[in-house]
PDB file of all heavy atoms in Angstrom:
ATOM      1  N   ASP A   1       0.841  -1.189   0.000  1.00  0.00           N
ATOM      2  CA  ASP A   1       0.000   0.000   0.000  1.00  0.00           C
ATOM      3  C   ASP A   1       0.882   1.246   0.000  1.00  0.00           C
ATOM      4  O   ASP A   1       2.112   1.161  -0.022  1.00  0.00           O
ATOM      5  CB  ASP A   1      -0.965  -0.004   1.192  1.00  0.00           C
ATOM      6  CG  ASP A   1      -0.233  -0.148   2.532  1.00  0.00           C
ATOM      7  OD1 ASP A   1       0.977   0.152   2.589  1.00  0.00           O
ATOM      8  OD2 ASP A   1      -0.874  -0.560   3.512  1.00  0.00           O
ATOM      9  N   SER A   2       0.252   2.412   0.049  1.00  0.00           N
ATOM     10  CA  SER A   2       0.992   3.672  -0.051  1.00  0.00           C
ATOM     11  C   SER A   2       1.968   3.859   1.101  1.00  0.00           C
ATOM     12  O   SER A   2       3.074   4.395   0.921  1.00  0.00           O
ATOM     13  CB  SER A   2       0.011   4.846  -0.103  1.00  0.00           C
ATOM     14  OG  SER A   2      -0.809   4.760  -1.260  1.00  0.00           O
ATOM     15  N   ARG A   3       1.589   3.429   2.293  1.00  0.00           N
ATOM     16  CA  ARG A   3       2.486   3.566   3.440  1.00  0.00           C
ATOM     17  C   ARG A   3       3.741   2.737   3.251  1.00  0.00           C
ATOM     18  O   ARG A   3       4.852   3.214   3.461  1.00  0.00           O
ATOM     19  CB  ARG A   3       1.765   3.142   4.736  1.00  0.00           C
ATOM     20  CG  ARG A   3       2.669   3.257   5.983  1.00  0.00           C
ATOM     21  CD  ARG A   3       2.062   2.555   7.178  1.00  0.00           C
ATOM     22  NE  ARG A   3       2.042   1.108   7.039  1.00  0.00           N
ATOM     23  CZ  ARG A   3       3.104   0.328   7.255  1.00  0.00           C
ATOM     24  NH1 ARG A   3       4.294   0.858   7.569  1.00  0.00           N
ATOM     25  NH2 ARG A   3       3.003  -0.987   7.125  1.00  0.00           N
ATOM     26  N   ARG A   4       3.562   1.508   2.837  1.00  0.00           N
ATOM     27  CA  ARG A   4       4.720   0.631   2.659  1.00  0.00           C
ATOM     28  C   ARG A   4       5.601   1.074   1.489  1.00  0.00           C
ATOM     29  O   ARG A   4       6.817   0.886   1.516  1.00  0.00           O
ATOM     30  CB  ARG A   4       4.257  -0.819   2.452  1.00  0.00           C
ATOM     31  CG  ARG A   4       3.750  -1.470   3.738  1.00  0.00           C
ATOM     32  CD  ARG A   4       3.794  -2.982   3.636  1.00  0.00           C
ATOM     33  NE  ARG A   4       3.556  -3.581   4.930  1.00  0.00           N
ATOM     34  CZ  ARG A   4       2.435  -4.213   5.293  1.00  0.00           C
ATOM     35  NH1 ARG A   4       1.452  -4.343   4.416  1.00  0.00           N
ATOM     36  NH2 ARG A   4       2.305  -4.717   6.498  1.00  0.00           N
ATOM     37  N   LEU A   5       4.998   1.644   0.483  1.00  0.00           N
ATOM     38  CA  LEU A   5       5.775   2.092  -0.666  1.00  0.00           C
ATOM     39  C   LEU A   5       6.774   3.172  -0.265  1.00  0.00           C
ATOM     40  O   LEU A   5       7.866   3.274  -0.848  1.00  0.00           O
ATOM     41  CB  LEU A   5       4.840   2.607  -1.765  1.00  0.00           C
ATOM     42  CG  LEU A   5       5.508   3.040  -3.079  1.00  0.00           C
ATOM     43  CD1 LEU A   5       6.331   1.899  -3.685  1.00  0.00           C
ATOM     44  CD2 LEU A   5       4.455   3.519  -4.068  1.00  0.00           C
ATOM     45  N   LEU A   6       6.437   3.959   0.750  1.00  0.00           N
ATOM     46  CA  LEU A   6       7.331   5.011   1.224  1.00  0.00           C
ATOM     47  C   LEU A   6       8.608   4.448   1.840  1.00  0.00           C
ATOM     48  O   LEU A   6       9.606   5.158   1.968  1.00  0.00           O
ATOM     49  CB  LEU A   6       6.611   5.901   2.250  1.00  0.00           C
ATOM     50  CG  LEU A   6       5.457   6.755   1.715  1.00  0.00           C
ATOM     51  CD1 LEU A   6       4.756   7.463   2.858  1.00  0.00           C
ATOM     52  CD2 LEU A   6       5.957   7.754   0.683  1.00  0.00           C
ATOM     53  N   LEU A   7       8.601   3.184   2.231  1.00  0.00           N
ATOM     54  CA  LEU A   7       9.790   2.561   2.805  1.00  0.00           C
ATOM     55  C   LEU A   7      10.851   2.291   1.746  1.00  0.00           C
ATOM     56  O   LEU A   7      12.040   2.212   2.057  1.00  0.00           O
ATOM     57  CB  LEU A   7       9.416   1.245   3.496  1.00  0.00           C
ATOM     58  CG  LEU A   7       8.417   1.341   4.652  1.00  0.00           C
ATOM     59  CD1 LEU A   7       7.991  -0.063   5.086  1.00  0.00           C
ATOM     60  CD2 LEU A   7       9.020   2.105   5.820  1.00  0.00           C
ATOM     61  N   ALA A   8      10.424   2.144   0.514  1.00  0.00           N
ATOM     62  CA  ALA A   8      11.361   1.897  -0.590  1.00  0.00           C
ATOM     63  C   ALA A   8      11.999   3.211  -1.023  1.00  0.00           C
ATOM     64  O   ALA A   8      11.681   4.285  -0.508  1.00  0.00           O
ATOM     65  CB  ALA A   8      10.625   1.251  -1.750  1.00  0.00           C
ATOM     66  N   LYS A   9      12.917   3.127  -1.978  1.00  0.00           N
ATOM     67  CA  LYS A   9      13.537   4.334  -2.499  1.00  0.00           C
ATOM     68  C   LYS A   9      12.483   5.200  -3.196  1.00  0.00           C
ATOM     69  O   LYS A   9      11.477   4.683  -3.706  1.00  0.00           O
ATOM     70  CB  LYS A   9      14.669   3.964  -3.446  1.00  0.00           C
ATOM     71  CG  LYS A   9      15.870   3.375  -2.724  1.00  0.00           C
ATOM     72  CD  LYS A   9      17.020   3.088  -3.671  1.00  0.00           C
ATOM     73  CE  LYS A   9      18.217   2.519  -2.919  1.00  0.00           C
ATOM     74  NZ  LYS A   9      19.351   2.177  -3.814  1.00  0.00           N
ATOM     75  N   PRO A  10      12.694   6.507  -3.250  1.00  0.00           N
ATOM     76  CA  PRO A  10      11.671   7.417  -3.786  1.00  0.00           C
ATOM     77  C   PRO A  10      11.174   7.062  -5.184  1.00  0.00           C
ATOM     78  O   PRO A  10       9.997   7.250  -5.493  1.00  0.00           O
ATOM     79  CB  PRO A  10      12.379   8.781  -3.772  1.00  0.00           C
ATOM     80  CG  PRO A  10      13.395   8.654  -2.684  1.00  0.00           C
ATOM     81  CD  PRO A  10      13.855   7.231  -2.725  1.00  0.00           C
ATOM     82  N   ASN A  11      12.056   6.563  -6.028  1.00  0.00           N
ATOM     83  CA  ASN A  11      11.676   6.234  -7.408  1.00  0.00           C
ATOM     84  C   ASN A  11      11.643   4.732  -7.652  1.00  0.00           C
ATOM     85  O   ASN A  11      11.819   4.267  -8.783  1.00  0.00           O
ATOM     86  CB  ASN A  11      12.641   6.896  -8.391  1.00  0.00           C
ATOM     87  CG  ASN A  11      12.556   8.406  -8.347  1.00  0.00           C
ATOM     88  OD1 ASN A  11      11.470   8.970  -8.262  1.00  0.00           O
ATOM     89  ND2 ASN A  11      13.702   9.067  -8.377  1.00  0.00           N
ATOM     90  N   ALA A  12      11.397   3.957  -6.605  1.00  0.00           N
ATOM     91  CA  ALA A  12      11.361   2.496  -6.741  1.00  0.00           C
ATOM     92  C   ALA A  12      10.281   2.079  -7.729  1.00  0.00           C
ATOM     93  O   ALA A  12       9.193   2.669  -7.785  1.00  0.00           O
ATOM     94  CB  ALA A  12      11.088   1.855  -5.387  1.00  0.00           C
ATOM     95  N   LEU A  13      10.587   1.052  -8.523  1.00  0.00           N
ATOM     96  CA  LEU A  13       9.626   0.540  -9.497  1.00  0.00           C
ATOM     97  C   LEU A  13       8.644  -0.404  -8.818  1.00  0.00           C
ATOM     98  O   LEU A  13       9.033  -1.239  -8.002  1.00  0.00           O
ATOM     99  CB  LEU A  13      10.344  -0.210 -10.620  1.00  0.00           C
ATOM    100  CG  LEU A  13      11.430   0.525 -11.391  1.00  0.00           C
ATOM    101  CD1 LEU A  13      11.974  -0.370 -12.502  1.00  0.00           C
ATOM    102  CD2 LEU A  13      10.905   1.834 -11.958  1.00  0.00           C
ATOM    103  N   VAL A  14       7.375  -0.294  -9.169  1.00  0.00           N
ATOM    104  CA  VAL A  14       6.351  -1.220  -8.702  1.00  0.00           C
ATOM    105  C   VAL A  14       5.904  -2.053  -9.889  1.00  0.00           C
ATOM    106  O   VAL A  14       5.451  -1.513 -10.906  1.00  0.00           O
ATOM    107  CB  VAL A  14       5.144  -0.476  -8.099  1.00  0.00           C
ATOM    108  CG1 VAL A  14       4.035  -1.465  -7.736  1.00  0.00           C
ATOM    109  CG2 VAL A  14       5.572   0.316  -6.873  1.00  0.00           C
ATOM    110  N   MET A  15       6.038  -3.366  -9.752  1.00  0.00           N
ATOM    111  CA  MET A  15       5.722  -4.266 -10.853  1.00  0.00           C
ATOM    112  C   MET A  15       4.715  -5.316 -10.399  1.00  0.00           C
ATOM    113  O   MET A  15       4.582  -5.612  -9.202  1.00  0.00           O
ATOM    114  CB  MET A  15       6.989  -4.944 -11.360  1.00  0.00           C
ATOM    115  CG  MET A  15       8.109  -3.983 -11.711  1.00  0.00           C
ATOM    116  SD  MET A  15       9.610  -4.789 -12.296  1.00  0.00           S
ATOM    117  CE  MET A  15       9.069  -5.370 -13.894  1.00  0.00           C
ATOM    118  N   HIS A  16       3.991  -5.879 -11.362  1.00  0.00           N
ATOM    119  CA  HIS A  16       3.031  -6.952 -11.094  1.00  0.00           C
ATOM    120  C   HIS A  16       2.814  -7.706 -12.401  1.00  0.00           C
ATOM    121  O   HIS A  16       2.583  -7.089 -13.438  1.00  0.00           O
ATOM    122  CB  HIS A  16       1.708  -6.381 -10.578  1.00  0.00           C
ATOM    123  CG  HIS A  16       0.801  -7.407  -9.964  1.00  0.00           C
ATOM    124  ND1 HIS A  16       0.281  -8.480 -10.662  1.00  0.00           N
ATOM    125  CD2 HIS A  16       0.309  -7.532  -8.703  1.00  0.00           C
ATOM    126  CE1 HIS A  16      -0.478  -9.213  -9.861  1.00  0.00           C
ATOM    127  NE2 HIS A  16      -0.476  -8.661  -8.670  1.00  0.00           N
ATOM    128  N   PRO A  17       2.904  -9.040 -12.388  1.00  0.00           N
ATOM    129  CA  PRO A  17       2.741  -9.797 -13.628  1.00  0.00           C
ATOM    130  C   PRO A  17       1.306  -9.852 -14.123  1.00  0.00           C
ATOM    131  O   PRO A  17       1.062 -10.211 -15.279  1.00  0.00           O
ATOM    132  CB  PRO A  17       3.242 -11.194 -13.255  1.00  0.00           C
ATOM    133  CG  PRO A  17       2.989 -11.286 -11.782  1.00  0.00           C
ATOM    134  CD  PRO A  17       3.247  -9.904 -11.251  1.00  0.00           C
ATOM    135  N   GLY A  18       0.331  -9.536 -13.252  1.00  0.00           N
ATOM    136  CA  GLY A  18      -1.068  -9.600 -13.630  1.00  0.00           C
ATOM    137  C   GLY A  18      -1.581 -11.038 -13.710  1.00  0.00           C
ATOM    138  O   GLY A  18      -0.785 -11.966 -13.879  1.00  0.00           O
ATOM    139  N   PRO A  19      -2.869 -11.224 -13.587  1.00  0.00           N
ATOM    140  CA  PRO A  19      -3.856 -10.206 -13.242  1.00  0.00           C
ATOM    141  C   PRO A  19      -3.765  -9.812 -11.771  1.00  0.00           C
ATOM    142  O   PRO A  19      -3.368 -10.619 -10.936  1.00  0.00           O
ATOM    143  CB  PRO A  19      -5.191 -10.902 -13.552  1.00  0.00           C
ATOM    144  CG  PRO A  19      -4.900 -12.353 -13.338  1.00  0.00           C
ATOM    145  CD  PRO A  19      -3.486 -12.559 -13.783  1.00  0.00           C
ATOM    146  N   MET A  20      -4.126  -8.590 -11.475  1.00  0.00           N
ATOM    147  CA  MET A  20      -4.040  -8.088 -10.107  1.00  0.00           C
ATOM    148  C   MET A  20      -5.307  -8.381  -9.321  1.00  0.00           C
ATOM    149  O   MET A  20      -6.407  -8.315  -9.854  1.00  0.00           O
ATOM    150  CB  MET A  20      -3.825  -6.572 -10.113  1.00  0.00           C
ATOM    151  CG  MET A  20      -2.491  -6.116 -10.618  1.00  0.00           C
ATOM    152  SD  MET A  20      -2.325  -4.307 -10.490  1.00  0.00           S
ATOM    153  CE  MET A  20      -3.459  -3.760 -11.777  1.00  0.00           C
ATOM    154  N   ASN A  21      -5.120  -8.657  -8.038  1.00  0.00           N
ATOM    155  CA  ASN A  21      -6.223  -8.678  -7.086  1.00  0.00           C
ATOM    156  C   ASN A  21      -6.119  -7.388  -6.277  1.00  0.00           C
ATOM    157  O   ASN A  21      -5.422  -7.330  -5.258  1.00  0.00           O
ATOM    158  CB  ASN A  21      -6.135  -9.895  -6.156  1.00  0.00           C
ATOM    159  CG  ASN A  21      -6.345 -11.194  -6.907  1.00  0.00           C
ATOM    160  OD1 ASN A  21      -7.326 -11.365  -7.610  1.00  0.00           O
ATOM    161  ND2 ASN A  21      -5.403 -12.114  -6.768  1.00  0.00           N
ATOM    162  N   ARG A  22      -6.752  -6.336  -6.752  1.00  0.00           N
ATOM    163  CA  ARG A  22      -6.663  -5.047  -6.067  1.00  0.00           C
ATOM    164  C   ARG A  22      -7.247  -5.154  -4.659  1.00  0.00           C
ATOM    165  O   ARG A  22      -8.296  -5.760  -4.459  1.00  0.00           O
ATOM    166  CB  ARG A  22      -7.406  -3.976  -6.861  1.00  0.00           C
ATOM    167  CG  ARG A  22      -6.745  -3.618  -8.186  1.00  0.00           C
ATOM    168  CD  ARG A  22      -7.584  -2.637  -8.977  1.00  0.00           C
ATOM    169  NE  ARG A  22      -6.995  -2.301 -10.261  1.00  0.00           N
ATOM    170  CZ  ARG A  22      -6.310  -1.177 -10.506  1.00  0.00           C
ATOM    171  NH1 ARG A  22      -6.148  -0.286  -9.533  1.00  0.00           N
ATOM    172  NH2 ARG A  22      -5.803  -0.950 -11.707  1.00  0.00           N
ATOM    173  N   GLY A  23      -6.541  -4.566  -3.723  1.00  0.00           N
ATOM    174  CA  GLY A  23      -6.992  -4.614  -2.346  1.00  0.00           C
ATOM    175  C   GLY A  23      -6.571  -5.869  -1.611  1.00  0.00           C
ATOM    176  O   GLY A  23      -6.872  -6.033  -0.426  1.00  0.00           O
ATOM    177  N   VAL A  24      -5.883  -6.771  -2.321  1.00  0.00           N
ATOM    178  CA  VAL A  24      -5.378  -7.991  -1.683  1.00  0.00           C
ATOM    179  C   VAL A  24      -3.848  -7.916  -1.661  1.00  0.00           C
ATOM    180  O   VAL A  24      -3.262  -7.603  -0.632  1.00  0.00           O
ATOM    181  CB  VAL A  24      -5.856  -9.260  -2.415  1.00  0.00           C
ATOM    182  CG1 VAL A  24      -5.312 -10.512  -1.724  1.00  0.00           C
ATOM    183  CG2 VAL A  24      -7.377  -9.297  -2.448  1.00  0.00           C
ATOM    184  N   GLU A  25      -3.196  -8.160  -2.797  1.00  0.00           N
ATOM    185  CA  GLU A  25      -1.737  -8.067  -2.799  1.00  0.00           C
ATOM    186  C   GLU A  25      -1.243  -6.647  -3.087  1.00  0.00           C
ATOM    187  O   GLU A  25      -0.089  -6.317  -2.806  1.00  0.00           O
ATOM    188  CB  GLU A  25      -1.128  -9.048  -3.806  1.00  0.00           C
ATOM    189  CG  GLU A  25      -1.418  -8.737  -5.261  1.00  0.00           C
ATOM    190  CD  GLU A  25      -2.494  -9.636  -5.834  1.00  0.00           C
ATOM    191  OE1 GLU A  25      -3.091 -10.404  -5.049  1.00  0.00           O
ATOM    192  OE2 GLU A  25      -2.718  -9.580  -7.058  1.00  0.00           O
ATOM    193  N   ILE A  26      -2.085  -5.813  -3.657  1.00  0.00           N
ATOM    194  CA  ILE A  26      -1.674  -4.449  -3.986  1.00  0.00           C
ATOM    195  C   ILE A  26      -2.875  -3.521  -3.909  1.00  0.00           C
ATOM    196  O   ILE A  26      -3.991  -3.897  -4.286  1.00  0.00           O
ATOM    197  CB  ILE A  26      -1.033  -4.400  -5.391  1.00  0.00           C
ATOM    198  CG1 ILE A  26      -0.391  -3.050  -5.677  1.00  0.00           C
ATOM    199  CG2 ILE A  26      -2.038  -4.776  -6.474  1.00  0.00           C
ATOM    200  CD1 ILE A  26       0.472  -3.038  -6.932  1.00  0.00           C
ATOM    201  N   SER A  27      -2.658  -2.312  -3.400  1.00  0.00           N
ATOM    202  CA  SER A  27      -3.750  -1.343  -3.311  1.00  0.00           C
ATOM    203  C   SER A  27      -3.910  -0.621  -4.638  1.00  0.00           C
ATOM    204  O   SER A  27      -2.963  -0.521  -5.431  1.00  0.00           O
ATOM    205  CB  SER A  27      -3.471  -0.328  -2.195  1.00  0.00           C
ATOM    206  OG  SER A  27      -2.372   0.498  -2.536  1.00  0.00           O
ATOM    207  N   THR A  28      -5.083  -0.096  -4.875  1.00  0.00           N
ATOM    208  CA  THR A  28      -5.348   0.628  -6.119  1.00  0.00           C
ATOM    209  C   THR A  28      -4.465   1.857  -6.241  1.00  0.00           C
ATOM    210  O   THR A  28      -3.967   2.182  -7.331  1.00  0.00           O
ATOM    211  CB  THR A  28      -6.830   1.021  -6.196  1.00  0.00           C
ATOM    212  OG1 THR A  28      -7.621  -0.165  -6.327  1.00  0.00           O
ATOM    213  CG2 THR A  28      -7.102   1.924  -7.388  1.00  0.00           C
TER     214      THR A  28
END
């Protein structure tokens, strides 16, 4: 989620192979 993303580097890449389960493994 957004809070956890802040722990990574400012320009860290977020990747997902799809299909996504929004709200489960990744927030919208």
